[in-house]
Amino acid sequence: MPFYLYQLTYSKDAVKAMVASPSDREAAARKLIEALGGKLHHMFFAFGQSDVICLIEGPDDTFMMAGAAAVASTGTVSTSSTTKLMTSADAMAAMTLAGKVTGAYTPPHG
């Protein structure tokens, strides 16, 4: 199954609510991801642009979009991003394939 790096920044109202009444956000994320047929490998709170960084494994891109949309629909996220990840073996296979077709591409000339 594919892996995804999901990053989000909470809205100001969400941070206010979590400070006023802390709740286990990892348990909530795990419940959603598992309901969609995936697995939450890691969830970290972070300093910087993102408040939360998750490593998620799931069946396909539709799964990941559904999860991200479900979270965003709550209005508690101000920004989010999803990066589809590849294993080293998959990247090597892609590079091997690219090497076989490199001559099929003509770059633009100025």
PDB file of N, CA and C in Angstrom:
ATOM      1  N   MET A   1       0.846  -1.188   0.000  1.00  0.00           N
ATOM      2  CA  MET A   1       0.000   0.000   0.000  1.00  0.00           C
ATOM      3  C   MET A   1       0.885   1.243   0.000  1.00  0.00           C
ATOM      4  N   PRO A   2       0.438   2.310  -0.654  1.00  0.00           N
ATOM      5  CA  PRO A   2       1.210   3.550  -0.699  1.00  0.00           C
ATOM      6  C   PRO A   2       1.317   4.227   0.677  1.00  0.00           C
ATOM      7  N   PHE A   3       2.367   5.021   0.820  1.00  0.00           N
ATOM      8  CA  PHE A   3       2.574   5.830   2.015  1.00  0.00           C
ATOM      9  C   PHE A   3       2.352   7.299   1.669  1.00  0.00           C
ATOM     10  N   TYR A   4       1.855   8.038   2.660  1.00  0.00           N
ATOM     11  CA  TYR A   4       1.586   9.459   2.491  1.00  0.00           C
ATOM     12  C   TYR A   4       2.132  10.221   3.695  1.00  0.00           C
ATOM     13  N   LEU A   5       2.700  11.389   3.416  1.00  0.00           N
ATOM     14  CA  LEU A   5       3.094  12.325   4.454  1.00  0.00           C
ATOM     15  C   LEU A   5       2.010  13.400   4.476  1.00  0.00           C
ATOM     16  N   TYR A   6       1.281  13.485   5.579  1.00  0.00           N
ATOM     17  CA  TYR A   6       0.181  14.449   5.703  1.00  0.00           C
ATOM     18  C   TYR A   6       0.564  15.464   6.762  1.00  0.00           C
ATOM     19  N   GLN A   7       0.526  16.731   6.387  1.00  0.00           N
ATOM     20  CA  GLN A   7       0.886  17.816   7.302  1.00  0.00           C
ATOM     21  C   GLN A   7      -0.282  18.784   7.418  1.00  0.00           C
ATOM     22  N   LEU A   8      -0.525  19.263   8.631  1.00  0.00           N
ATOM     23  CA  LEU A   8      -1.615  20.216   8.810  1.00  0.00           C
ATOM     24  C   LEU A   8      -1.255  21.277   9.833  1.00  0.00           C
ATOM     25  N   THR A   9      -1.914  22.386   9.678  1.00  0.00           N
ATOM     26  CA  THR A   9      -1.829  23.487  10.633  1.00  0.00           C
ATOM     27  C   THR A   9      -3.236  23.729  11.142  1.00  0.00           C
ATOM     28  N   TYR A  10      -3.384  23.733  12.457  1.00  0.00           N
ATOM     29  CA  TYR A  10      -4.698  23.951  13.056  1.00  0.00           C
ATOM     30  C   TYR A  10      -5.116  25.410  12.942  1.00  0.00           C
ATOM     31  N   SER A  11      -6.418  25.641  12.893  1.00  0.00           N
ATOM     32  CA  SER A  11      -6.955  26.999  12.955  1.00  0.00           C
ATOM     33  C   SER A  11      -6.749  27.536  14.369  1.00  0.00           C
ATOM     34  N   LYS A  12      -6.837  28.843  14.519  1.00  0.00           N
ATOM     35  CA  LYS A  12      -6.699  29.453  15.854  1.00  0.00           C
ATOM     36  C   LYS A  12      -7.770  28.939  16.805  1.00  0.00           C
ATOM     37  N   ASP A  13      -8.977  28.768  16.305  1.00  0.00           N
ATOM     38  CA  ASP A  13     -10.061  28.259  17.146  1.00  0.00           C
ATOM     39  C   ASP A  13      -9.795  26.829  17.609  1.00  0.00           C
ATOM     40  N   ALA A  14      -9.203  26.014  16.736  1.00  0.00           N
ATOM     41  CA  ALA A  14      -8.893  24.634  17.119  1.00  0.00           C
ATOM     42  C   ALA A  14      -7.835  24.603  18.218  1.00  0.00           C
ATOM     43  N   VAL A  15      -6.810  25.437  18.075  1.00  0.00           N
ATOM     44  CA  VAL A  15      -5.762  25.495  19.109  1.00  0.00           C
ATOM     45  C   VAL A  15      -6.368  25.955  20.428  1.00  0.00           C
ATOM     46  N   LYS A  16      -7.217  26.951  20.363  1.00  0.00           N
ATOM     47  CA  LYS A  16      -7.884  27.458  21.572  1.00  0.00           C
ATOM     48  C   LYS A  16      -8.687  26.338  22.243  1.00  0.00           C
ATOM     49  N   ALA A  17      -9.411  25.567  21.445  1.00  0.00           N
ATOM     50  CA  ALA A  17     -10.227  24.470  21.991  1.00  0.00           C
ATOM     51  C   ALA A  17      -9.352  23.375  22.592  1.00  0.00           C
ATOM     52  N   MET A  18      -8.215  23.055  21.949  1.00  0.00           N
ATOM     53  CA  MET A  18      -7.334  22.003  22.462  1.00  0.00           C
ATOM     54  C   MET A  18      -6.642  22.424  23.756  1.00  0.00           C
ATOM     55  N   VAL A  19      -6.334  23.705  23.880  1.00  0.00           N
ATOM     56  CA  VAL A  19      -5.724  24.204  25.117  1.00  0.00           C
ATOM     57  C   VAL A  19      -6.754  24.201  26.245  1.00  0.00           C
ATOM     58  N   ALA A  20      -7.975  24.601  25.924  1.00  0.00           N
ATOM     59  CA  ALA A  20      -9.038  24.643  26.933  1.00  0.00           C
ATOM     60  C   ALA A  20      -9.454  23.242  27.376  1.00  0.00           C
ATOM     61  N   SER A  21      -9.427  22.297  26.443  1.00  0.00           N
ATOM     62  CA  SER A  21      -9.856  20.941  26.749  1.00  0.00           C
ATOM     63  C   SER A  21      -9.026  19.947  25.923  1.00  0.00           C
ATOM     64  N   PRO A  22      -7.828  19.602  26.400  1.00  0.00           N
ATOM     65  CA  PRO A  22      -6.955  18.704  25.631  1.00  0.00           C
ATOM     66  C   PRO A  22      -7.632  17.368  25.321  1.00  0.00           C
ATOM     67  N   SER A  23      -7.403  16.892  24.098  1.00  0.00           N
ATOM     68  CA  SER A  23      -7.942  15.595  23.698  1.00  0.00           C
ATOM     69  C   SER A  23      -6.890  14.869  22.875  1.00  0.00           C
ATOM     70  N   ASP A  24      -6.991  13.567  22.831  1.00  0.00           N
ATOM     71  CA  ASP A  24      -6.019  12.733  22.133  1.00  0.00           C
ATOM     72  C   ASP A  24      -6.268  12.792  20.632  1.00  0.00           C
ATOM     73  N   ARG A  25      -5.563  13.664  19.950  1.00  0.00           N
ATOM     74  CA  ARG A  25      -5.752  13.836  18.513  1.00  0.00           C
ATOM     75  C   ARG A  25      -5.241  12.629  17.728  1.00  0.00           C
ATOM     76  N   GLU A  26      -4.245  11.920  18.284  1.00  0.00           N
ATOM     77  CA  GLU A  26      -3.744  10.730  17.597  1.00  0.00           C
ATOM     78  C   GLU A  26      -4.813   9.643  17.555  1.00  0.00           C
ATOM     79  N   ALA A  27      -5.533   9.468  18.644  1.00  0.00           N
ATOM     80  CA  ALA A  27      -6.609   8.464  18.673  1.00  0.00           C
ATOM     81  C   ALA A  27      -7.701   8.835  17.670  1.00  0.00           C
ATOM     82  N   ALA A  28      -8.020  10.108  17.582  1.00  0.00           N
ATOM     83  CA  ALA A  28      -9.044  10.562  16.634  1.00  0.00           C
ATOM     84  C   ALA A  28      -8.579  10.328  15.195  1.00  0.00           C
ATOM     85  N   ALA A  29      -7.316  10.636  14.911  1.00  0.00           N
ATOM     86  CA  ALA A  29      -6.775  10.430  13.566  1.00  0.00           C
ATOM     87  C   ALA A  29      -6.746   8.942  13.223  1.00  0.00           C
ATOM     88  N   ARG A  30      -6.300   8.134  14.166  1.00  0.00           N
ATOM     89  CA  ARG A  30      -6.207   6.688  13.934  1.00  0.00           C
ATOM     90  C   ARG A  30      -7.589   6.107  13.607  1.00  0.00           C
ATOM     91  N   LYS A  31      -8.614   6.553  14.336  1.00  0.00           N
ATOM     92  CA  LYS A  31      -9.983   6.062  14.120  1.00  0.00           C
ATOM     93  C   LYS A  31     -10.447   6.368  12.694  1.00  0.00           C
ATOM     94  N   LEU A  32     -10.206   7.587  12.239  1.00  0.00           N
ATOM     95  CA  LEU A  32     -10.606   7.980  10.886  1.00  0.00           C
ATOM     96  C   LEU A  32      -9.841   7.174   9.840  1.00  0.00           C
ATOM     97  N   ILE A  33      -8.522   7.094   9.998  1.00  0.00           N
ATOM     98  CA  ILE A  33      -7.686   6.404   9.013  1.00  0.00           C
ATOM     99  C   ILE A  33      -8.048   4.929   8.924  1.00  0.00           C
ATOM    100  N   GLU A  34      -8.263   4.294  10.059  1.00  0.00           N
ATOM    101  CA  GLU A  34      -8.642   2.882  10.061  1.00  0.00           C
ATOM    102  C   GLU A  34     -10.038   2.669   9.474  1.00  0.00           C
ATOM    103  N   ALA A  35     -10.954   3.610   9.710  1.00  0.00           N
ATOM    104  CA  ALA A  35     -12.298   3.512   9.136  1.00  0.00           C
ATOM    105  C   ALA A  35     -12.246   3.555   7.607  1.00  0.00           C
ATOM    106  N   LEU A  36     -11.231   4.222   7.070  1.00  0.00           N
ATOM    107  CA  LEU A  36     -11.058   4.323   5.623  1.00  0.00           C
ATOM    108  C   LEU A  36     -10.227   3.174   5.050  1.00  0.00           C
ATOM    109  N   GLY A  37      -9.723   2.304   5.919  1.00  0.00           N
ATOM    110  CA  GLY A  37      -8.953   1.153   5.454  1.00  0.00           C
ATOM    111  C   GLY A  37      -7.456   1.359   5.445  1.00  0.00           C
ATOM    112  N   GLY A  38      -6.972   2.364   6.181  1.00  0.00           N
ATOM    113  CA  GLY A  38      -5.545   2.644   6.218  1.00  0.00           C
ATOM    114  C   GLY A  38      -4.932   2.413   7.584  1.00  0.00           C
ATOM    115  N   LYS A  39      -3.673   2.827   7.712  1.00  0.00           N
ATOM    116  CA  LYS A  39      -2.941   2.668   8.964  1.00  0.00           C
ATOM    117  C   LYS A  39      -2.141   3.931   9.253  1.00  0.00           C
ATOM    118  N   LEU A  40      -2.285   4.444  10.462  1.00  0.00           N
ATOM    119  CA  LEU A  40      -1.482   5.574  10.926  1.00  0.00           C
ATOM    120  C   LEU A  40      -0.211   5.001  11.550  1.00  0.00           C
ATOM    121  N   HIS A  41       0.921   5.236  10.910  1.00  0.00           N
ATOM    122  CA  HIS A  41       2.191   4.726  11.433  1.00  0.00           C
ATOM    123  C   HIS A  41       2.759   5.650  12.504  1.00  0.00           C
ATOM    124  N   HIS A  42       2.704   6.957  12.251  1.00  0.00           N
ATOM    125  CA  HIS A  42       3.233   7.932  13.209  1.00  0.00           C
ATOM    126  C   HIS A  42       2.445   9.232  13.107  1.00  0.00           C
ATOM    127  N   MET A  43       2.290   9.882  14.232  1.00  0.00           N
ATOM    128  CA  MET A  43       1.720  11.227  14.262  1.00  0.00           C
ATOM    129  C   MET A  43       2.570  12.036  15.228  1.00  0.00           C
ATOM    130  N   PHE A  44       3.086  13.148  14.726  1.00  0.00           N
ATOM    131  CA  PHE A  44       3.934  14.009  15.533  1.00  0.00           C
ATOM    132  C   PHE A  44       3.364  15.422  15.564  1.00  0.00           C
ATOM    133  N   PHE A  45       3.409  16.046  16.725  1.00  0.00           N
ATOM    134  CA  PHE A  45       3.195  17.483  16.804  1.00  0.00           C
ATOM    135  C   PHE A  45       4.545  18.120  16.532  1.00  0.00           C
ATOM    136  N   ALA A  46       4.555  19.291  15.879  1.00  0.00           N
ATOM    137  CA  ALA A  46       5.809  19.848  15.403  1.00  0.00           C
ATOM    138  C   ALA A  46       5.874  21.355  15.607  1.00  0.00           C
ATOM    139  N   PHE A  47       7.085  21.850  15.602  1.00  0.00           N
ATOM    140  CA  PHE A  47       7.335  23.289  15.565  1.00  0.00           C
ATOM    141  C   PHE A  47       7.538  23.660  14.103  1.00  0.00           C
ATOM    142  N   GLY A  48       7.178  24.864  13.726  1.00  0.00           N
ATOM    143  CA  GLY A  48       7.393  25.299  12.348  1.00  0.00           C
ATOM    144  C   GLY A  48       6.086  25.565  11.640  1.00  0.00           C
ATOM    145  N   GLN A  49       6.086  25.376  10.327  1.00  0.00           N
ATOM    146  CA  GLN A  49       4.902  25.679   9.530  1.00  0.00           C
ATOM    147  C   GLN A  49       3.737  24.757   9.833  1.00  0.00           C
ATOM    148  N   SER A  50       4.015  23.509  10.117  1.00  0.00           N
ATOM    149  CA  SER A  50       2.958  22.530  10.391  1.00  0.00           C
ATOM    150  C   SER A  50       2.860  22.248  11.877  1.00  0.00           C
ATOM    151  N   ASP A  51       1.624  22.090  12.348  1.00  0.00           N
ATOM    152  CA  ASP A  51       1.400  21.711  13.746  1.00  0.00           C
ATOM    153  C   ASP A  51       1.470  20.201  13.929  1.00  0.00           C
ATOM    154  N   VAL A  52       1.093  19.460  12.890  1.00  0.00           N
ATOM    155  CA  VAL A  52       1.033  18.002  12.960  1.00  0.00           C
ATOM    156  C   VAL A  52       1.607  17.418  11.675  1.00  0.00           C
ATOM    157  N   ILE A  53       2.372  16.345  11.834  1.00  0.00           N
ATOM    158  CA  ILE A  53       2.920  15.607  10.696  1.00  0.00           C
ATOM    159  C   ILE A  53       2.595  14.130  10.915  1.00  0.00           C
ATOM    160  N   CYS A  54       1.981  13.515   9.906  1.00  0.00           N
ATOM    161  CA  CYS A  54       1.578  12.105  10.014  1.00  0.00           C
ATOM    162  C   CYS A  54       2.196  11.286   8.895  1.00  0.00           C
ATOM    163  N   LEU A  55       2.567  10.061   9.215  1.00  0.00           N
ATOM    164  CA  LEU A  55       2.967   9.078   8.222  1.00  0.00           C
ATOM    165  C   LEU A  55       1.843   8.056   8.156  1.00  0.00           C
ATOM    166  N   ILE A  56       1.192   8.004   6.994  1.00  0.00           N
ATOM    167  CA  ILE A  56      -0.020   7.209   6.816  1.00  0.00           C
ATOM    168  C   ILE A  56       0.183   6.223   5.670  1.00  0.00           C
ATOM    169  N   GLU A  57      -0.329   5.027   5.855  1.00  0.00           N
ATOM    170  CA  GLU A  57      -0.327   4.028   4.790  1.00  0.00           C
ATOM    171  C   GLU A  57      -1.775   3.729   4.434  1.00  0.00           C
ATOM    172  N   GLY A  58      -2.066   3.733   3.145  1.00  0.00           N
ATOM    173  CA  GLY A  58      -3.442   3.485   2.736  1.00  0.00           C
ATOM    174  C   GLY A  58      -3.528   2.863   1.370  1.00  0.00           C
ATOM    175  N   PRO A  59      -4.720   2.415   0.986  1.00  0.00           N
ATOM    176  CA  PRO A  59      -4.878   1.664  -0.259  1.00  0.00           C
ATOM    177  C   PRO A  59      -4.642   2.466  -1.536  1.00  0.00           C
ATOM    178  N   ASP A  60      -4.988   3.760  -1.538  1.00  0.00           N
ATOM    179  CA  ASP A  60      -4.862   4.520  -2.786  1.00  0.00           C
ATOM    180  C   ASP A  60      -5.065   6.008  -2.521  1.00  0.00           C
ATOM    181  N   ASP A  61      -4.945   6.800  -3.580  1.00  0.00           N
ATOM    182  CA  ASP A  61      -5.078   8.252  -3.466  1.00  0.00           C
ATOM    183  C   ASP A  61      -6.494   8.668  -3.065  1.00  0.00           C
ATOM    184  N   THR A  62      -7.500   7.917  -3.484  1.00  0.00           N
ATOM    185  CA  THR A  62      -8.882   8.224  -3.102  1.00  0.00           C
ATOM    186  C   THR A  62      -9.041   8.143  -1.595  1.00  0.00           C
ATOM    187  N   PHE A  63      -8.464   7.116  -0.994  1.00  0.00           N
ATOM    188  CA  PHE A  63      -8.456   6.968   0.465  1.00  0.00           C
ATOM    189  C   PHE A  63      -7.874   8.222   1.119  1.00  0.00           C
ATOM    190  N   MET A  64      -6.722   8.660   0.624  1.00  0.00           N
ATOM    191  CA  MET A  64      -6.038   9.791   1.259  1.00  0.00           C
ATOM    192  C   MET A  64      -6.816  11.083   1.082  1.00  0.00           C
ATOM    193  N   MET A  65      -7.367  11.287  -0.107  1.00  0.00           N
ATOM    194  CA  MET A  65      -8.156  12.498  -0.337  1.00  0.00           C
ATOM    195  C   MET A  65      -9.403  12.508   0.535  1.00  0.00           C
ATOM    196  N   ALA A  66     -10.042  11.361   0.689  1.00  0.00           N
ATOM    197  CA  ALA A  66     -11.237  11.280   1.535  1.00  0.00           C
ATOM    198  C   ALA A  66     -10.902  11.640   2.976  1.00  0.00           C
ATOM    199  N   GLY A  67      -9.792  11.120   3.484  1.00  0.00           N
ATOM    200  CA  GLY A  67      -9.391  11.426   4.855  1.00  0.00           C
ATOM    201  C   GLY A  67      -9.058  12.896   5.042  1.00  0.00           C
ATOM    202  N   ALA A  68      -8.298  13.451   4.112  1.00  0.00           N
ATOM    203  CA  ALA A  68      -7.934  14.865   4.196  1.00  0.00           C
ATOM    204  C   ALA A  68      -9.170  15.750   4.096  1.00  0.00           C
ATOM    205  N   ALA A  69     -10.105  15.373   3.213  1.00  0.00           N
ATOM    206  CA  ALA A  69     -11.337  16.149   3.071  1.00  0.00           C
ATOM    207  C   ALA A  69     -12.206  16.054   4.324  1.00  0.00           C
ATOM    208  N   ALA A  70     -12.257  14.881   4.937  1.00  0.00           N
ATOM    209  CA  ALA A  70     -13.039  14.715   6.169  1.00  0.00           C
ATOM    210  C   ALA A  70     -12.491  15.602   7.277  1.00  0.00           C
ATOM    211  N   VAL A  71     -11.170  15.652   7.394  1.00  0.00           N
ATOM    212  CA  VAL A  71     -10.546  16.500   8.420  1.00  0.00           C
ATOM    213  C   VAL A  71     -10.792  17.979   8.098  1.00  0.00           C
ATOM    214  N   ALA A  72     -10.565  18.366   6.840  1.00  0.00           N
ATOM    215  CA  ALA A  72     -10.744  19.770   6.450  1.00  0.00           C
ATOM    216  C   ALA A  72     -12.184  20.236   6.611  1.00  0.00           C
ATOM    217  N   SER A  73     -13.136  19.329   6.413  1.00  0.00           N
ATOM    218  CA  SER A  73     -14.552  19.705   6.483  1.00  0.00           C
ATOM    219  C   SER A  73     -14.983  20.124   7.880  1.00  0.00           C
ATOM    220  N   THR A  74     -14.181  19.818   8.890  1.00  0.00           N
ATOM    221  CA  THR A  74     -14.522  20.206  10.259  1.00  0.00           C
ATOM    222  C   THR A  74     -14.249  21.683  10.522  1.00  0.00           C
ATOM    223  N   GLY A  75     -13.446  22.309   9.666  1.00  0.00           N
ATOM    224  CA  GLY A  75     -13.113  23.717   9.848  1.00  0.00           C
ATOM    225  C   GLY A  75     -12.015  23.958  10.868  1.00  0.00           C
ATOM    226  N   THR A  76     -11.376  22.913  11.359  1.00  0.00           N
ATOM    227  CA  THR A  76     -10.341  23.066  12.387  1.00  0.00           C
ATOM    228  C   THR A  76      -8.934  23.142  11.821  1.00  0.00           C
ATOM    229  N   VAL A  77      -8.815  23.054  10.498  1.00  0.00           N
ATOM    230  CA  VAL A  77      -7.511  23.072   9.850  1.00  0.00           C
ATOM    231  C   VAL A  77      -7.407  24.327   8.993  1.00  0.00           C
ATOM    232  N   SER A  78      -6.333  25.089   9.169  1.00  0.00           N
ATOM    233  CA  SER A  78      -6.168  26.283   8.340  1.00  0.00           C
ATOM    234  C   SER A  78      -5.406  25.961   7.059  1.00  0.00           C
ATOM    235  N   THR A  79      -4.451  25.030   7.106  1.00  0.00           N
ATOM    236  CA  THR A  79      -3.748  24.571   5.911  1.00  0.00           C
ATOM    237  C   THR A  79      -3.387  23.096   6.083  1.00  0.00           C
ATOM    238  N   SER A  80      -3.249  22.428   4.947  1.00  0.00           N
ATOM    239  CA  SER A  80      -2.778  21.051   4.983  1.00  0.00           C
ATOM    240  C   SER A  80      -2.096  20.738   3.659  1.00  0.00           C
ATOM    241  N   SER A  81      -1.278  19.701   3.677  1.00  0.00           N
ATOM    242  CA  SER A  81      -0.654  19.231   2.444  1.00  0.00           C
ATOM    243  C   SER A  81      -0.430  17.736   2.550  1.00  0.00           C
ATOM    244  N   THR A  82      -0.478  17.092   1.407  1.00  0.00           N
ATOM    245  CA  THR A  82      -0.258  15.654   1.329  1.00  0.00           C
ATOM    246  C   THR A  82       0.839  15.392   0.312  1.00  0.00           C
ATOM    247  N   THR A  83       1.816  14.591   0.701  1.00  0.00           N
ATOM    248  CA  THR A  83       2.889  14.181  -0.199  1.00  0.00           C
ATOM    249  C   THR A  83       2.861  12.669  -0.310  1.00  0.00           C
ATOM    250  N   LYS A  84       2.704  12.170  -1.527  1.00  0.00           N
ATOM    251  CA  LYS A  84       2.753  10.724  -1.738  1.00  0.00           C
ATOM    252  C   LYS A  84       4.223  10.306  -1.715  1.00  0.00           C
ATOM    253  N   LEU A  85       4.516   9.261  -0.968  1.00  0.00           N
ATOM    254  CA  LEU A  85       5.891   8.813  -0.794  1.00  0.00           C
ATOM    255  C   LEU A  85       6.144   7.530  -1.581  1.00  0.00           C
ATOM    256  N   MET A  86       7.406   7.317  -1.926  1.00  0.00           N
ATOM    257  CA  MET A  86       7.819   6.099  -2.622  1.00  0.00           C
ATOM    258  C   MET A  86       8.926   5.427  -1.821  1.00  0.00           C
ATOM    259  N   THR A  87       8.947   4.116  -1.869  1.00  0.00           N
ATOM    260  CA  THR A  87      10.061   3.388  -1.266  1.00  0.00           C
ATOM    261  C   THR A  87      11.291   3.569  -2.155  1.00  0.00           C
ATOM    262  N   SER A  88      12.451   3.282  -1.619  1.00  0.00           N
ATOM    263  CA  SER A  88      13.677   3.337  -2.419  1.00  0.00           C
ATOM    264  C   SER A  88      13.602   2.365  -3.588  1.00  0.00           C
ATOM    265  N   ALA A  89      13.037   1.187  -3.346  1.00  0.00           N
ATOM    266  CA  ALA A  89      12.911   0.192  -4.420  1.00  0.00           C
ATOM    267  C   ALA A  89      12.026   0.720  -5.549  1.00  0.00           C
ATOM    268  N   ASP A  90      10.915   1.373  -5.205  1.00  0.00           N
ATOM    269  CA  ASP A  90      10.036   1.935  -6.233  1.00  0.00           C
ATOM    270  C   ASP A  90      10.739   3.063  -6.991  1.00  0.00           C
ATOM    271  N   ALA A  91      11.496   3.882  -6.281  1.00  0.00           N
ATOM    272  CA  ALA A  91      12.233   4.977  -6.928  1.00  0.00           C
ATOM    273  C   ALA A  91      13.294   4.424  -7.876  1.00  0.00           C
ATOM    274  N   MET A  92      13.981   3.364  -7.465  1.00  0.00           N
ATOM    275  CA  MET A  92      14.986   2.746  -8.338  1.00  0.00           C
ATOM    276  C   MET A  92      14.331   2.174  -9.595  1.00  0.00           C
ATOM    277  N   ALA A  93      13.159   1.554  -9.446  1.00  0.00           N
ATOM    278  CA  ALA A  93      12.439   1.035 -10.602  1.00  0.00           C
ATOM    279  C   ALA A  93      12.042   2.169 -11.543  1.00  0.00           C
ATOM    280  N   ALA A  94      11.619   3.293 -10.981  1.00  0.00           N
ATOM    281  CA  ALA A  94      11.250   4.454 -11.798  1.00  0.00           C
ATOM    282  C   ALA A  94      12.472   5.016 -12.524  1.00  0.00           C
ATOM    283  N   MET A  95      13.609   5.089 -11.835  1.00  0.00           N
ATOM    284  CA  MET A  95      14.834   5.582 -12.477  1.00  0.00           C
ATOM    285  C   MET A  95      15.294   4.640 -13.583  1.00  0.00           C
ATOM    286  N   THR A  96      15.160   3.343 -13.370  1.00  0.00           N
ATOM    287  CA  THR A  96      15.512   2.362 -14.396  1.00  0.00           C
ATOM    288  C   THR A  96      14.627   2.545 -15.624  1.00  0.00           C
ATOM    289  N   LEU A  97      13.334   2.707 -15.404  1.00  0.00           N
ATOM    290  CA  LEU A  97      12.409   2.932 -16.511  1.00  0.00           C
ATOM    291  C   LEU A  97      12.730   4.244 -17.224  1.00  0.00           C
ATOM    292  N   ALA A  98      13.029   5.287 -16.465  1.00  0.00           N
ATOM    293  CA  ALA A  98      13.390   6.580 -17.070  1.00  0.00           C
ATOM    294  C   ALA A  98      14.625   6.438 -17.946  1.00  0.00           C
ATOM    295  N   GLY A  99      15.586   5.654 -17.480  1.00  0.00           N
ATOM    296  CA  GLY A  99      16.791   5.429 -18.275  1.00  0.00           C
ATOM    297  C   GLY A  99      16.501   4.757 -19.603  1.00  0.00           C
ATOM    298  N   LYS A 100      15.473   3.927 -19.652  1.00  0.00           N
ATOM    299  CA  LYS A 100      15.111   3.222 -20.881  1.00  0.00           C
ATOM    300  C   LYS A 100      14.410   4.123 -21.892  1.00  0.00           C
ATOM    301  N   VAL A 101      13.781   5.201 -21.426  1.00  0.00           N
ATOM    302  CA  VAL A 101      13.006   6.054 -22.335  1.00  0.00           C
ATOM    303  C   VAL A 101      13.576   7.467 -22.479  1.00  0.00           C
ATOM    304  N   THR A 102      14.732   7.703 -21.913  1.00  0.00           N
ATOM    305  CA  THR A 102      15.311   9.054 -21.930  1.00  0.00           C
ATOM    306  C   THR A 102      15.398   9.636 -23.339  1.00  0.00           C
ATOM    307  N   GLY A 103      15.750   8.837 -24.341  1.00  0.00           N
ATOM    308  CA  GLY A 103      15.859   9.338 -25.705  1.00  0.00           C
ATOM    309  C   GLY A 103      14.528   9.695 -26.340  1.00  0.00           C
ATOM    310  N   ALA A 104      13.414   9.309 -25.717  1.00  0.00           N
ATOM    311  CA  ALA A 104      12.086   9.593 -26.282  1.00  0.00           C
ATOM    312  C   ALA A 104      11.629  11.008 -25.989  1.00  0.00           C
ATOM    313  N   TYR A 105      12.346  11.715 -25.146  1.00  0.00           N
ATOM    314  CA  TYR A 105      11.962  13.081 -24.783  1.00  0.00           C
ATOM    315  C   TYR A 105      12.917  14.074 -25.408  1.00  0.00           C
ATOM    316  N   THR A 106      12.348  15.089 -26.047  1.00  0.00           N
ATOM    317  CA  THR A 106      13.157  16.165 -26.618  1.00  0.00           C
ATOM    318  C   THR A 106      12.965  17.416 -25.772  1.00  0.00           C
ATOM    319  N   PRO A 107      14.032  17.908 -25.141  1.00  0.00           N
ATOM    320  CA  PRO A 107      13.895  19.104 -24.310  1.00  0.00           C
ATOM    321  C   PRO A 107      13.665  20.341 -25.153  1.00  0.00           C
ATOM    322  N   PRO A 108      13.091  21.392 -24.565  1.00  0.00           N
ATOM    323  CA  PRO A 108      12.894  22.638 -25.313  1.00  0.00           C
ATOM    324  C   PRO A 108      14.252  23.283 -25.623  1.00  0.00           C
ATOM    325  N   HIS A 109      14.311  23.915 -26.761  1.00  0.00           N
ATOM    326  CA  HIS A 109      15.547  24.602 -27.176  1.00  0.00           C
ATOM    327  C   HIS A 109      15.264  26.089 -27.287  1.00  0.00           C
ATOM    328  N   GLY A 110      16.205  26.893 -26.803  1.00  0.00           N
ATOM    329  CA  GLY A 110      16.026  28.342 -26.819  1.00  0.00           C
ATOM    330  C   GLY A 110      16.533  29.023 -28.011  1.00  0.00           C
TER     331      GLY A 110
END
